[in-house]
């Protein structure tokens, strides 16, 4: 099924702001984001260096190393896996694109070199002026550029060969170069589940306020939970269901924290009558639009 994501900047309510001008949720996100990133980087490296990923063992390792709760670790692993999978897919597409460019250049070179070869062969004949077939690439010159079309084509061939060598070296390099994965700053990912209350055990949102369970390493500073009234996600057609899984992604952008909720949308209600009531046929053309109304009656 399709998945939608709604985003909004976190509001800074005056009632929730501290002496520094930040809400408790923003303070928690600022403190947890570096820990999350360090755990994500280590998870990415583990994904890239190992063929088999033992989630249970890695869960235990991250809990001991960073003091992160198991539910938070699910978000770290999902975030890291997404970055690795995206990097691998991008590498495959990059290789495919360069291979396509190499194939295109080789085809062009073959055609252009054949064109020059046939033209030279034609002008090497005696009495070529009387030939009925003519030349496939007749020699001509430009007073503006002070050059012949043959010279210009040879220069293009020279440039294409250099570009071909560059692409071949790049393709050879990409096939053996280890994949590098970027893990950006200011990101927190919390995975939800449809079996959990309000779609997420760590971040529970009731339509207005969100309550986030604080990870173990920060409980001494923020307590067990952090709550903030972030409000609703206003949309003309709101497809955010009350039930079902809700995955939360908090990221820092343009000097502000943004909350993004990912969910399976509820079906859109039908806005028009069924075809049994009749329909309108539309014919769109470059210069005009034609239409016809078809009634629900059956004509003999």
Protein backbone atom coordinates (compact mmCIF):
# COMPACT_ATOMS: atom_id res chain seq x y z
CA UNK A 1 0.00 0.00 0.00
CA UNK A 2 1.00 3.62 -0.50
CA UNK A 3 2.63 5.56 2.34
CA UNK A 4 2.27 9.29 3.00
CA UNK A 5 4.30 11.67 5.15
CA UNK A 6 3.03 14.88 6.73
CA UNK A 7 5.57 17.46 7.94
CA UNK A 8 5.34 20.55 10.12
CA UNK A 9 7.73 22.73 12.07
CA UNK A 10 7.60 22.21 15.81
CA UNK A 11 5.73 25.08 17.45
CA UNK A 12 7.42 27.02 20.26
CA UNK A 13 4.58 27.69 22.65
CA UNK A 14 5.24 30.38 25.22
CA UNK A 15 3.87 28.16 27.98
CA UNK A 16 6.47 25.47 27.15
CA UNK A 17 9.51 27.69 26.58
CA UNK A 18 12.34 27.74 29.08
CA UNK A 19 14.75 30.57 29.89
CA UNK A 20 16.74 29.82 26.73
CA UNK A 21 13.67 30.13 24.51
CA UNK A 22 13.35 26.41 23.72
CA UNK A 23 10.70 23.86 24.58
CA UNK A 24 11.50 20.72 26.55
CA UNK A 25 10.97 18.64 23.40
CA UNK A 26 13.48 20.72 21.44
CA UNK A 27 16.01 20.40 24.27
CA UNK A 28 15.56 16.63 24.24
CA UNK A 29 15.93 16.42 20.45
CA UNK A 30 19.11 18.54 20.58
CA UNK A 31 20.57 16.22 23.25
CA UNK A 32 19.51 12.93 21.66
CA UNK A 33 20.40 13.75 18.03
CA UNK A 34 24.23 13.40 18.46
CA UNK A 35 23.76 10.08 20.30
CA UNK A 36 21.39 8.85 17.59
CA UNK A 37 23.86 9.85 14.85
CA UNK A 38 26.81 8.09 16.50
CA UNK A 39 24.78 4.89 16.86
CA UNK A 40 23.55 5.22 13.26
CA UNK A 41 27.10 5.68 11.92
CA UNK A 42 28.29 2.56 13.74
CA UNK A 43 25.27 0.63 12.43
CA UNK A 44 25.95 1.80 8.87
CA UNK A 45 29.56 0.63 9.12
CA UNK A 46 28.36 -2.72 10.43
CA UNK A 47 25.94 -3.08 7.51
CA UNK A 48 28.70 -2.28 5.02
CA UNK A 49 31.33 -4.54 6.57
CA UNK A 50 29.19 -7.61 7.25
CA UNK A 51 27.16 -9.81 4.91
CA UNK A 52 24.85 -11.00 7.69
CA UNK A 53 23.15 -8.66 10.13
CA UNK A 54 22.22 -10.13 13.51
CA UNK A 55 19.63 -7.68 14.82
CA UNK A 56 19.42 -9.23 18.30
CA UNK A 57 23.16 -9.05 18.93
CA UNK A 58 23.37 -5.54 17.52
CA UNK A 59 20.48 -4.47 19.74
CA UNK A 60 22.41 -5.61 22.79
CA UNK A 61 25.60 -3.92 21.59
CA UNK A 62 23.92 -0.53 21.09
CA UNK A 63 22.12 -0.72 24.43
CA UNK A 64 25.41 -1.30 26.25
CA UNK A 65 27.44 1.19 24.19
CA UNK A 66 25.03 4.15 24.07
CA UNK A 67 22.41 3.48 26.75
CA UNK A 68 19.58 3.51 24.20
CA UNK A 69 16.33 1.67 24.81
CA UNK A 70 15.41 -1.22 22.53
CA UNK A 71 12.46 0.68 21.01
CA UNK A 72 14.74 3.59 20.12
CA UNK A 73 17.30 1.19 18.64
CA UNK A 74 14.70 -0.03 16.12
CA UNK A 75 14.64 3.51 14.78
CA UNK A 76 18.44 3.65 14.61
CA UNK A 77 18.63 0.38 12.67
CA UNK A 78 15.81 1.33 10.27
CA UNK A 79 17.38 4.73 9.63
CA UNK A 80 20.84 3.23 9.00
CA UNK A 81 19.47 0.48 6.76
CA UNK A 82 17.55 3.06 4.72
CA UNK A 83 20.71 5.12 4.19
CA UNK A 84 22.72 2.04 3.16
CA UNK A 85 20.04 0.73 0.79
CA UNK A 86 19.69 4.18 -0.78
CA UNK A 87 23.47 4.44 -1.29
CA UNK A 88 23.60 1.00 -2.92
CA UNK A 89 20.67 1.80 -5.20
CA UNK A 90 22.29 5.12 -6.14
CA UNK A 91 25.56 3.36 -6.97
CA UNK A 92 23.74 0.87 -9.22
CA UNK A 93 21.90 3.68 -11.02
CA UNK A 94 25.13 5.65 -11.39
CA UNK A 95 26.89 2.66 -12.95
CA UNK A 96 23.92 2.03 -15.24
CA UNK A 97 23.86 5.68 -16.34
CA UNK A 98 27.59 5.77 -17.14
CA UNK A 99 27.37 2.45 -18.99
CA UNK A 100 24.56 3.94 -21.09
CA UNK A 101 26.66 7.02 -21.87
CA UNK A 102 29.59 4.83 -22.91
CA UNK A 103 27.35 2.84 -25.24
CA UNK A 104 25.94 6.03 -26.75
CA UNK A 105 29.39 7.57 -27.35
CA UNK A 106 30.74 4.37 -28.91
CA UNK A 107 27.75 4.28 -31.27
CA UNK A 108 28.30 7.93 -32.24
CA UNK A 109 32.04 7.38 -32.80
CA UNK A 110 31.41 4.38 -34.99
CA UNK A 111 28.93 6.33 -37.12
CA UNK A 112 31.11 9.44 -37.39
CA UNK A 113 34.32 7.60 -38.22
CA UNK A 114 32.48 5.58 -40.86
CA UNK A 115 31.12 8.83 -42.32
CA UNK A 116 34.66 10.23 -42.71
CA UNK A 117 35.99 6.96 -44.06
CA UNK A 118 33.34 6.76 -46.79
CA UNK A 119 33.83 10.45 -47.63
CA UNK A 120 37.59 9.99 -48.05
CA UNK A 121 36.97 6.93 -50.20
CA UNK A 122 34.58 8.91 -52.38
CA UNK A 123 36.97 11.83 -52.96
CA UNK A 124 39.84 9.41 -53.68
CA UNK A 125 38.07 8.26 -56.84
CA UNK A 126 38.89 9.71 -60.21
CA UNK A 127 36.22 11.90 -61.75
CA UNK A 128 34.29 11.99 -58.49
CA UNK A 129 32.60 15.14 -59.79
CA UNK A 130 30.64 13.02 -62.26
CA UNK A 131 29.46 10.50 -59.66
CA UNK A 132 25.70 9.99 -59.67
CA UNK A 133 25.58 8.65 -56.11
CA UNK A 134 27.19 11.68 -54.50
CA UNK A 135 29.11 11.89 -51.24
CA UNK A 136 27.51 10.96 -47.92
CA UNK A 137 29.45 13.74 -46.20
CA UNK A 138 30.37 16.41 -48.79
CA UNK A 139 33.27 18.67 -47.93
CA UNK A 140 32.27 22.25 -47.10
CA UNK A 141 33.74 25.22 -45.28
CA UNK A 142 32.50 28.08 -43.14
CA UNK A 143 33.71 31.64 -43.72
CA UNK A 144 32.51 32.54 -40.26
CA UNK A 145 34.49 29.88 -38.40
CA UNK A 146 37.23 29.52 -41.06
CA UNK A 147 37.08 25.78 -40.81
CA UNK A 148 35.79 22.82 -42.79
CA UNK A 149 33.07 20.43 -41.68
CA UNK A 150 35.62 17.60 -41.86
CA UNK A 151 37.96 19.39 -39.47
CA UNK A 152 35.08 20.16 -37.13
CA UNK A 153 33.95 16.52 -37.10
CA UNK A 154 37.50 15.31 -36.42
CA UNK A 155 37.69 17.71 -33.48
CA UNK A 156 34.38 16.36 -32.16
CA UNK A 157 35.67 12.81 -32.51
CA UNK A 158 38.78 13.74 -30.55
CA UNK A 159 36.65 15.22 -27.75
CA UNK A 160 34.31 12.22 -27.68
CA UNK A 161 37.24 9.82 -27.38
CA UNK A 162 38.57 11.75 -24.38
CA UNK A 163 35.13 11.70 -22.78
CA UNK A 164 34.83 7.96 -23.52
CA UNK A 165 38.15 7.27 -21.77
CA UNK A 166 36.99 9.36 -18.79
CA UNK A 167 33.70 7.45 -18.48
CA UNK A 168 35.44 4.07 -18.78
CA UNK A 169 37.88 4.95 -16.01
CA UNK A 170 35.03 6.23 -13.85
CA UNK A 171 33.01 3.05 -14.44
CA UNK A 172 36.01 0.89 -13.55
CA UNK A 173 36.51 2.94 -10.38
CA UNK A 174 32.86 2.77 -9.29
CA UNK A 175 32.72 -1.02 -9.61
CA UNK A 176 35.51 -1.53 -7.06
CA UNK A 177 35.26 1.58 -4.85
CA UNK A 178 33.62 0.92 -1.45
CA UNK A 179 30.25 2.57 -0.97
CA UNK A 180 30.22 5.66 1.21
CA UNK A 181 27.10 6.51 3.19
CA UNK A 182 26.29 9.98 4.49
CA UNK A 183 24.63 10.23 7.91
CA UNK A 184 23.39 13.82 8.34
CA UNK A 185 23.30 15.77 11.55
CA UNK A 186 20.08 16.51 13.40
CA UNK A 187 18.02 13.40 12.67
CA UNK A 188 15.92 11.17 14.95
CA UNK A 189 13.87 8.26 13.63
CA UNK A 190 11.25 6.43 15.70
CA UNK A 191 9.64 3.35 14.15
CA UNK A 192 5.98 2.68 14.83
CA UNK A 193 3.78 -0.41 14.64
CA UNK A 194 0.06 -0.93 14.04
CA UNK A 195 -0.04 -3.31 17.03
CA UNK A 196 1.00 -0.58 19.48
CA UNK A 197 -1.24 1.98 21.13
CA UNK A 198 -1.59 5.09 18.93
CA UNK A 199 0.69 3.46 16.37
CA UNK A 200 3.93 3.97 18.27
CA UNK A 201 5.14 2.95 21.71
CA UNK A 202 7.93 5.54 21.97
CA UNK A 203 6.16 8.58 20.45
CA UNK A 204 2.43 8.66 21.19
CA UNK A 205 0.39 11.43 19.60
CA UNK A 206 -3.28 12.01 20.44
CA UNK A 207 -3.96 14.50 17.66
CA UNK A 208 -2.61 17.49 19.59
CA UNK A 209 0.03 16.56 22.18
CA UNK A 210 2.89 14.13 21.66
CA UNK A 211 4.54 12.19 24.49
CA UNK A 212 7.97 10.73 23.79
CA UNK A 213 9.60 8.12 25.98
CA UNK A 214 13.07 9.33 26.88
CA UNK A 215 15.93 6.97 26.15
CA UNK A 216 17.81 5.54 29.14
CA UNK A 217 20.97 7.62 28.77
CA UNK A 218 19.01 10.90 29.11
CA UNK A 219 16.48 9.94 31.80
CA UNK A 220 18.52 11.62 34.54
CA UNK A 221 18.13 14.94 32.71
CA UNK A 222 14.64 14.79 31.17
CA UNK A 223 12.83 12.14 33.21
CA UNK A 224 10.86 9.21 31.79
CA UNK A 225 8.90 11.15 29.15
CA UNK A 226 8.87 14.47 27.32
CA UNK A 227 5.54 16.03 26.29
CA UNK A 228 4.75 18.87 23.90
CA UNK A 229 1.59 20.21 22.28
CA UNK A 230 2.61 20.10 18.62
CA UNK A 231 -0.96 20.36 17.29
CA UNK A 232 -2.51 18.72 14.26
CA UNK A 233 -1.30 18.41 10.65
CA UNK A 234 -3.70 20.71 8.79
CA UNK A 235 -4.58 19.47 5.30
CA UNK A 236 -7.48 20.18 2.96
CA UNK A 237 -7.94 16.43 2.61
CA UNK A 238 -6.61 14.88 5.80
CA UNK A 239 -5.79 11.21 5.23
CA UNK A 240 -4.09 10.65 8.59
CA UNK A 241 -6.00 7.81 10.33
CA UNK A 242 -6.54 7.61 14.07
CA UNK A 243 -5.37 3.98 14.18
CA UNK A 244 -2.53 2.22 12.38
CA UNK A 245 1.25 2.50 12.45
CA UNK A 246 2.81 5.96 12.78
CA UNK A 247 6.55 6.35 12.27
CA UNK A 248 8.04 9.65 13.42
CA UNK A 249 11.04 11.42 11.93
CA UNK A 250 12.38 14.56 13.61
CA UNK A 251 14.99 16.51 11.64
CA UNK A 252 16.68 19.89 11.96
CA UNK A 253 16.31 22.18 8.94
CA UNK A 254 16.81 25.92 8.44
CA UNK A 255 17.30 26.55 12.15
CA UNK A 256 14.15 24.73 13.24
CA UNK A 257 13.13 21.22 14.25
CA UNK A 258 10.57 19.59 11.95
CA UNK A 259 8.25 16.71 12.84
CA UNK A 260 7.34 14.27 10.08
CA UNK A 261 4.81 11.46 10.59
CA UNK A 262 4.74 8.56 8.15
CA UNK A 263 1.57 6.46 7.86
CA UNK A 264 -0.64 4.34 5.65
CA UNK A 265 -3.39 6.74 4.47
CA UNK A 266 -7.06 6.04 4.89
CA UNK A 267 -9.04 5.65 1.64
CA UNK A 268 -10.31 8.79 -0.07
CA UNK A 269 -14.09 9.06 -0.15
CA UNK A 270 -15.62 9.09 -3.61
CA UNK A 271 -16.46 12.66 -4.59
CA UNK A 272 -18.63 11.94 -7.64
CA UNK A 273 -21.48 9.65 -8.60
CA UNK A 274 -20.88 6.27 -10.20
CA UNK A 275 -20.87 5.81 -13.98
CA UNK A 276 -24.40 4.43 -13.82
CA UNK A 277 -25.61 8.06 -13.44
CA UNK A 278 -23.98 8.99 -16.75
CA UNK A 279 -20.62 10.56 -17.50
CA UNK A 280 -18.81 13.24 -19.50
CA UNK A 281 -16.29 12.34 -22.20
CA UNK A 282 -13.47 14.84 -22.81
CA UNK A 283 -11.32 15.05 -25.96
CA UNK A 284 -8.27 17.28 -25.44
CA UNK A 285 -6.51 18.60 -28.58
CA UNK A 286 -3.69 21.15 -29.05
CA UNK A 287 -6.12 23.82 -30.27
CA UNK A 288 -9.43 22.84 -28.74
CA UNK A 289 -11.21 20.73 -26.14
CA UNK A 290 -14.26 18.70 -27.09
CA UNK A 291 -16.72 17.15 -24.70
CA UNK A 292 -19.84 15.06 -24.75
CA UNK A 293 -22.37 14.10 -22.10
CA UNK A 294 -23.46 10.46 -22.00
CA UNK A 295 -26.75 9.85 -20.22
CA UNK A 296 -27.52 6.82 -18.12
CA UNK A 297 -30.24 5.67 -20.51
CA UNK A 298 -29.67 2.89 -22.99
CA UNK A 299 -30.71 3.85 -26.53
CA UNK A 300 -31.92 1.25 -29.01
